[in-house]
N, C-alpha and C. Protein backbone atom coordinates (compact mmCIF):
# COMPACT_ATOMS: atom_id res chain seq x y z
N MET A 1 156.26 115.50 -117.66
CA MET A 1 155.90 114.88 -116.40
C MET A 1 157.18 114.67 -115.58
N PHE A 2 157.12 115.08 -114.34
CA PHE A 2 158.26 114.94 -113.43
C PHE A 2 157.96 113.83 -112.45
N GLU A 3 158.88 112.89 -112.32
CA GLU A 3 158.73 111.79 -111.36
C GLU A 3 159.96 111.73 -110.49
N LEU A 4 159.73 111.39 -109.24
CA LEU A 4 160.82 111.25 -108.29
C LEU A 4 160.59 109.96 -107.52
N ASP A 5 161.49 109.03 -107.63
CA ASP A 5 161.36 107.74 -106.96
C ASP A 5 162.06 107.82 -105.61
N LEU A 6 161.27 107.73 -104.56
CA LEU A 6 161.82 107.82 -103.20
C LEU A 6 162.03 106.45 -102.56
N THR A 7 161.96 105.40 -103.35
CA THR A 7 162.08 104.05 -102.80
C THR A 7 163.39 103.86 -102.05
N ALA A 8 164.49 104.24 -102.66
CA ALA A 8 165.79 104.08 -102.01
C ALA A 8 165.88 104.93 -100.76
N HIS A 9 165.37 106.14 -100.83
CA HIS A 9 165.39 107.02 -99.65
C HIS A 9 164.56 106.41 -98.51
N GLU A 10 163.40 105.87 -98.84
CA GLU A 10 162.54 105.28 -97.81
C GLU A 10 163.21 104.05 -97.19
N ALA A 11 163.85 103.24 -97.99
CA ALA A 11 164.55 102.07 -97.47
C ALA A 11 165.68 102.50 -96.53
N ARG A 12 166.41 103.53 -96.90
CA ARG A 12 167.49 104.04 -96.05
C ARG A 12 166.93 104.61 -94.75
N ARG A 13 165.83 105.36 -94.86
CA ARG A 13 165.21 105.94 -93.67
C ARG A 13 164.78 104.86 -92.70
N ARG A 14 164.14 103.82 -93.21
CA ARG A 14 163.69 102.73 -92.34
C ARG A 14 164.87 102.01 -91.70
N ALA A 15 165.93 101.80 -92.45
CA ALA A 15 167.13 101.16 -91.90
C ALA A 15 167.72 102.02 -90.78
N GLU A 16 167.75 103.32 -90.98
CA GLU A 16 168.29 104.23 -89.96
C GLU A 16 167.43 104.22 -88.70
N VAL A 17 166.12 104.17 -88.87
CA VAL A 17 165.20 104.12 -87.71
C VAL A 17 165.46 102.84 -86.92
N LEU A 18 165.52 101.72 -87.60
CA LEU A 18 165.76 100.44 -86.91
C LEU A 18 167.13 100.43 -86.24
N ALA A 19 168.12 101.01 -86.88
CA ALA A 19 169.45 101.08 -86.27
C ALA A 19 169.42 101.94 -85.01
N ALA A 20 168.67 103.03 -85.06
CA ALA A 20 168.57 103.92 -83.89
C ALA A 20 167.83 103.24 -82.74
N LEU A 21 166.85 102.39 -83.06
CA LEU A 21 166.11 101.70 -82.02
C LEU A 21 166.98 100.67 -81.31
N GLY A 22 167.93 100.10 -82.02
CA GLY A 22 168.85 99.14 -81.42
C GLY A 22 168.29 97.74 -81.37
N ASP A 23 169.14 96.82 -80.94
CA ASP A 23 168.77 95.41 -80.90
C ASP A 23 167.81 95.08 -79.76
N GLY A 24 167.77 95.91 -78.74
CA GLY A 24 166.93 95.64 -77.58
C GLY A 24 165.48 96.03 -77.74
N TRP A 25 165.13 96.61 -78.87
CA TRP A 25 163.76 97.05 -79.09
C TRP A 25 162.86 95.86 -79.32
N ASP A 26 161.82 95.74 -78.52
CA ASP A 26 160.88 94.62 -78.62
C ASP A 26 159.49 95.19 -78.88
N PRO A 27 159.03 95.17 -80.14
CA PRO A 27 157.75 95.78 -80.46
C PRO A 27 156.58 95.14 -79.72
N ALA A 28 156.63 93.84 -79.46
CA ALA A 28 155.55 93.19 -78.71
C ALA A 28 155.50 93.71 -77.28
N ALA A 29 156.65 93.90 -76.67
CA ALA A 29 156.70 94.43 -75.30
C ALA A 29 156.21 95.87 -75.27
N VAL A 30 156.54 96.64 -76.28
CA VAL A 30 156.09 98.03 -76.36
C VAL A 30 154.57 98.08 -76.48
N LEU A 31 154.01 97.21 -77.30
CA LEU A 31 152.56 97.16 -77.47
C LEU A 31 151.88 96.75 -76.16
N ARG A 32 152.42 95.75 -75.49
CA ARG A 32 151.84 95.32 -74.20
C ARG A 32 151.87 96.46 -73.19
N ALA A 33 153.00 97.16 -73.11
CA ALA A 33 153.12 98.27 -72.17
C ALA A 33 152.13 99.38 -72.51
N GLU A 34 151.95 99.63 -73.80
CA GLU A 34 150.99 100.66 -74.22
C GLU A 34 149.57 100.25 -73.83
N GLN A 35 149.23 98.99 -74.00
CA GLN A 35 147.89 98.51 -73.63
C GLN A 35 147.69 98.58 -72.12
N GLU A 36 148.73 98.25 -71.35
CA GLU A 36 148.64 98.34 -69.90
C GLU A 36 148.46 99.79 -69.46
N ALA A 37 149.18 100.69 -70.08
CA ALA A 37 149.06 102.12 -69.75
C ALA A 37 147.67 102.63 -70.10
N PHE A 38 147.14 102.21 -71.23
CA PHE A 38 145.79 102.61 -71.63
C PHE A 38 144.77 102.12 -70.62
N ALA A 39 144.89 100.84 -70.21
CA ALA A 39 143.95 100.28 -69.22
C ALA A 39 144.04 101.05 -67.91
N LEU A 40 145.24 101.37 -67.49
CA LEU A 40 145.43 102.11 -66.24
C LEU A 40 144.87 103.52 -66.34
N LEU A 41 145.07 104.15 -67.49
CA LEU A 41 144.60 105.52 -67.69
C LEU A 41 143.08 105.61 -67.54
N TYR A 42 142.37 104.61 -68.04
CA TYR A 42 140.91 104.65 -68.02
C TYR A 42 140.30 103.76 -66.93
N SER A 43 141.10 103.37 -65.95
CA SER A 43 140.55 102.60 -64.83
C SER A 43 140.07 103.57 -63.75
N GLY A 44 139.13 103.15 -62.98
CA GLY A 44 138.66 103.97 -61.86
C GLY A 44 137.84 105.17 -62.27
N LEU A 45 137.21 105.13 -63.44
CA LEU A 45 136.37 106.26 -63.84
C LEU A 45 135.06 106.24 -63.05
N ASP A 46 134.58 107.42 -62.72
CA ASP A 46 133.28 107.47 -62.05
C ASP A 46 132.17 107.27 -63.10
N GLU A 47 130.94 107.27 -62.66
CA GLU A 47 129.81 106.97 -63.53
C GLU A 47 129.71 107.94 -64.71
N GLU A 48 129.86 109.22 -64.44
CA GLU A 48 129.77 110.21 -65.50
C GLU A 48 130.91 110.05 -66.50
N GLN A 49 132.11 109.79 -66.00
CA GLN A 49 133.26 109.58 -66.88
C GLN A 49 133.07 108.33 -67.74
N GLU A 50 132.47 107.29 -67.15
CA GLU A 50 132.20 106.07 -67.90
C GLU A 50 131.23 106.35 -69.05
N ARG A 51 130.20 107.14 -68.77
CA ARG A 51 129.24 107.51 -69.82
C ARG A 51 129.92 108.31 -70.92
N THR A 52 130.77 109.24 -70.52
CA THR A 52 131.50 110.05 -71.50
C THR A 52 132.42 109.16 -72.34
N TYR A 53 133.10 108.24 -71.69
CA TYR A 53 133.97 107.32 -72.42
C TYR A 53 133.16 106.51 -73.42
N ALA A 54 132.03 105.97 -72.96
CA ALA A 54 131.18 105.17 -73.84
C ALA A 54 130.70 105.99 -75.03
N MET A 55 130.33 107.24 -74.79
CA MET A 55 129.87 108.11 -75.87
C MET A 55 131.00 108.34 -76.89
N LEU A 56 132.20 108.61 -76.39
CA LEU A 56 133.34 108.86 -77.28
C LEU A 56 133.75 107.59 -78.02
N ALA A 57 133.65 106.45 -77.36
CA ALA A 57 133.97 105.18 -78.02
C ALA A 57 132.95 104.89 -79.12
N GLU A 58 131.69 105.15 -78.84
CA GLU A 58 130.65 104.92 -79.84
C GLU A 58 130.83 105.83 -81.05
N ALA A 59 131.34 107.04 -80.81
CA ALA A 59 131.59 107.99 -81.91
C ALA A 59 132.87 107.68 -82.65
N GLY A 60 133.65 106.73 -82.15
CA GLY A 60 134.89 106.36 -82.81
C GLY A 60 136.10 107.20 -82.42
N VAL A 61 135.92 108.06 -81.41
CA VAL A 61 137.01 108.90 -80.95
C VAL A 61 137.99 108.10 -80.10
N LEU A 62 137.45 107.24 -79.23
CA LEU A 62 138.26 106.37 -78.39
C LEU A 62 137.97 104.91 -78.77
N PRO A 63 138.96 104.04 -78.59
CA PRO A 63 138.71 102.63 -78.90
C PRO A 63 137.82 102.00 -77.84
N PRO A 64 137.00 101.04 -78.22
CA PRO A 64 136.16 100.36 -77.22
C PRO A 64 137.04 99.54 -76.28
N ARG A 65 136.53 99.36 -75.06
CA ARG A 65 137.29 98.54 -74.10
C ARG A 65 136.74 97.15 -74.07
């Protein structure tokens, strides 16, 4: 049986990602901006687009609003 423990590699990878993001990275602000962009993207839909969105949301393709 061959085993390979990637725990140390994963810890290093995560540390490198956080270092690359820098101290100014604010995950809460990123999430808020993403939610605002999502709301803007799906605002102003006409009736047919609203029905299509509702159908896709019901199927689990898009998140409900």
